[in-house]
Protein backbone atom coordinates (compact mmCIF):
# COMPACT_ATOMS: atom_id res chain seq x y z
CA UNK A 1 26.35 -47.42 42.61
CA UNK A 2 27.10 -45.06 39.81
CA UNK A 3 24.75 -42.06 39.29
CA UNK A 4 23.30 -41.71 35.82
CA UNK A 5 23.47 -38.36 34.09
CA UNK A 6 20.32 -37.05 32.48
CA UNK A 7 20.52 -36.82 28.71
CA UNK A 8 17.89 -35.03 26.62
CA UNK A 9 14.65 -33.30 27.53
CA UNK A 10 11.54 -34.57 29.19
CA UNK A 11 8.24 -34.66 27.37
CA UNK A 12 6.89 -31.80 29.51
CA UNK A 13 9.84 -29.57 28.62
CA UNK A 14 9.33 -30.23 24.91
CA UNK A 15 5.59 -29.52 25.18
CA UNK A 16 6.31 -26.19 26.91
CA UNK A 17 8.66 -25.18 24.09
CA UNK A 18 6.05 -26.10 21.46
CA UNK A 19 3.40 -24.09 23.34
CA UNK A 20 5.67 -21.04 23.52
CA UNK A 21 6.42 -21.26 19.79
CA UNK A 22 2.69 -21.53 19.06
CA UNK A 23 1.90 -18.43 21.13
CA UNK A 24 4.66 -16.42 19.43
CA UNK A 25 3.45 -17.51 15.99
CA UNK A 26 -0.13 -16.55 16.84
CA UNK A 27 1.07 -13.02 17.60
CA UNK A 28 3.70 -12.66 14.87
CA UNK A 29 1.79 -13.91 11.81
CA UNK A 30 -1.07 -11.34 11.91
CA UNK A 31 1.44 -8.55 12.63
CA UNK A 32 3.50 -9.64 9.63
CA UNK A 33 0.41 -9.76 7.39
CA UNK A 34 -0.52 -6.22 8.47
CA UNK A 35 3.01 -5.06 7.69
CA UNK A 36 2.86 -6.64 4.22
CA UNK A 37 -0.52 -4.98 3.50
CA UNK A 38 0.71 -1.53 4.53
CA UNK A 39 3.87 -2.02 2.47
CA UNK A 40 1.75 -2.89 -0.57
CA UNK A 41 -0.28 0.32 -0.16
CA UNK A 42 2.87 2.41 0.24
CA UNK A 43 4.45 0.81 -2.84
CA UNK A 44 1.30 1.50 -4.88
CA UNK A 45 1.40 5.13 -3.76
CA UNK A 46 5.04 5.37 -4.86
CA UNK A 47 4.08 3.98 -8.28
CA UNK A 48 1.80 6.95 -9.00
CA UNK A 49 3.65 9.64 -7.02
CA UNK A 50 6.31 9.94 -9.70
CA UNK A 51 3.67 11.21 -12.15
CA UNK A 52 2.71 14.30 -10.11
CA UNK A 53 5.42 16.59 -11.49
CA UNK A 54 4.73 15.83 -15.14
CA UNK A 55 0.95 15.96 -14.53
CA UNK A 56 1.31 19.46 -13.06
CA UNK A 57 3.51 20.59 -15.94
CA UNK A 58 0.95 19.37 -18.49
CA UNK A 59 -1.89 21.00 -16.53
CA UNK A 60 -0.04 24.31 -16.42
CA UNK A 61 0.61 24.17 -20.18
CA UNK A 62 -3.00 23.21 -20.88
CA UNK A 63 -1.92 19.95 -22.51
CA UNK A 64 -4.08 16.84 -22.17
CA UNK A 65 -2.84 14.42 -19.53
CA UNK A 66 -2.64 10.71 -20.22
CA UNK A 67 -0.98 7.86 -18.36
CA UNK A 68 1.82 7.75 -20.94
CA UNK A 69 2.35 11.53 -21.03
CA UNK A 70 2.77 11.76 -17.26
CA UNK A 71 5.39 9.01 -17.46
CA UNK A 72 3.47 6.16 -15.85
CA UNK A 73 2.69 2.64 -16.98
CA UNK A 74 -0.93 1.54 -17.39
CA UNK A 75 -0.26 -1.17 -14.78
CA UNK A 76 2.55 -2.18 -12.42
CA UNK A 77 3.19 -5.02 -10.01
CA UNK A 78 1.39 -3.03 -7.32
CA UNK A 79 -1.35 -1.41 -9.43
CA UNK A 80 -3.63 -3.49 -11.63
CA UNK A 81 -4.69 -0.27 -13.38
CA UNK A 82 -3.37 3.27 -13.27
CA UNK A 83 -5.61 6.01 -14.57
CA UNK A 84 -5.24 9.74 -15.08
CA UNK A 85 -8.11 12.22 -14.99
CA UNK A 86 -7.58 15.31 -17.11
CA UNK A 87 -7.78 18.63 -15.37
CA UNK A 88 -10.10 21.13 -17.05
CA UNK A 89 -7.58 23.97 -16.82
CA UNK A 90 -4.78 25.24 -14.65
CA UNK A 91 -6.20 26.46 -11.36
CA UNK A 92 -9.04 23.94 -11.18
CA UNK A 93 -9.39 21.04 -8.77
CA UNK A 94 -9.34 17.52 -10.17
CA UNK A 95 -10.54 14.48 -8.25
CA UNK A 96 -8.56 11.30 -8.87
CA UNK A 97 -5.94 13.10 -10.93
CA UNK A 98 -3.68 10.05 -10.55
CA UNK A 99 -5.32 6.82 -9.44
CA UNK A 100 -4.12 3.27 -8.74
CA UNK A 101 -6.37 0.25 -8.29
CA UNK A 102 -4.25 -1.98 -6.08
CA UNK A 103 -3.42 -5.38 -7.58
CA UNK A 104 -4.08 -8.41 -5.35
CA UNK A 105 -5.14 -6.24 -2.39
CA UNK A 106 -5.51 -9.10 0.10
CA UNK A 107 -6.00 -7.64 3.59
CA UNK A 108 -6.29 -4.10 2.17
CA UNK A 109 -9.82 -4.88 0.99
CA UNK A 110 -11.44 -5.75 -2.33
CA UNK A 111 -11.24 -2.93 -4.85
CA UNK A 112 -8.74 -0.93 -2.79
CA UNK A 113 -7.83 2.33 -4.54
CA UNK A 114 -5.20 4.92 -3.74
CA UNK A 115 -5.16 8.25 -5.55
CA UNK A 116 -3.93 11.81 -5.65
CA UNK A 117 -6.55 14.53 -5.94
CA UNK A 118 -5.30 17.84 -7.32
CA UNK A 119 -6.48 21.00 -5.56
CA UNK A 120 -7.13 24.30 -7.32
CA UNK A 121 -3.82 25.54 -5.85
CA UNK A 122 -1.91 22.76 -7.61
CA UNK A 123 -1.36 20.76 -4.43
CA UNK A 124 -1.97 17.02 -4.24
CA UNK A 125 -3.92 15.19 -1.55
CA UNK A 126 -3.60 11.45 -1.10
CA UNK A 127 -6.89 9.61 -0.63
CA UNK A 128 -7.86 5.97 -0.28
CA UNK A 129 -11.06 4.12 -1.11
CA UNK A 130 -12.31 0.66 -0.06
CA UNK A 131 -9.50 0.09 2.46
CA UNK A 132 -10.54 -2.53 5.04
CA UNK A 133 -8.81 -0.68 7.88
CA UNK A 134 -7.31 2.78 8.35
CA UNK A 135 -4.11 1.25 9.75
CA UNK A 136 -3.17 0.17 6.21
CA UNK A 137 -3.20 3.72 4.81
CA UNK A 138 0.21 5.23 4.04
CA UNK A 139 1.27 8.22 6.13
CA UNK A 140 -0.40 11.40 4.91
CA UNK A 141 -3.33 9.66 3.19
CA UNK A 142 -6.94 10.23 4.15
């Protein structure tokens, strides 16, 4: 009698593979979504960060600051609106000097905002508003 060789997988083996894939997907998908949300916040921060130098120059000169004068667009792919708050004079603090309302915030939270506040010393502090979780905030943001 000739022995038959096994070809293929049994149903149990296939079910185990499907179960393992399901467990890995259950772990990986939320981690990926968190990564995407944090990346979106970091990209929005980068969109307004480039305006800090020009904003400070205009503040030092006593010139009015606008979105266009600081070299920013009124909106980007990451920011539905970008706004600039004029500083009263050099040496004064300005809340929300440069502000971005995040476009399509998703897991970040509805109405998520990231901004730079200008201190009286001319330093900039990153702050966030309406973020659903602190883990989504870019490094250095409060």
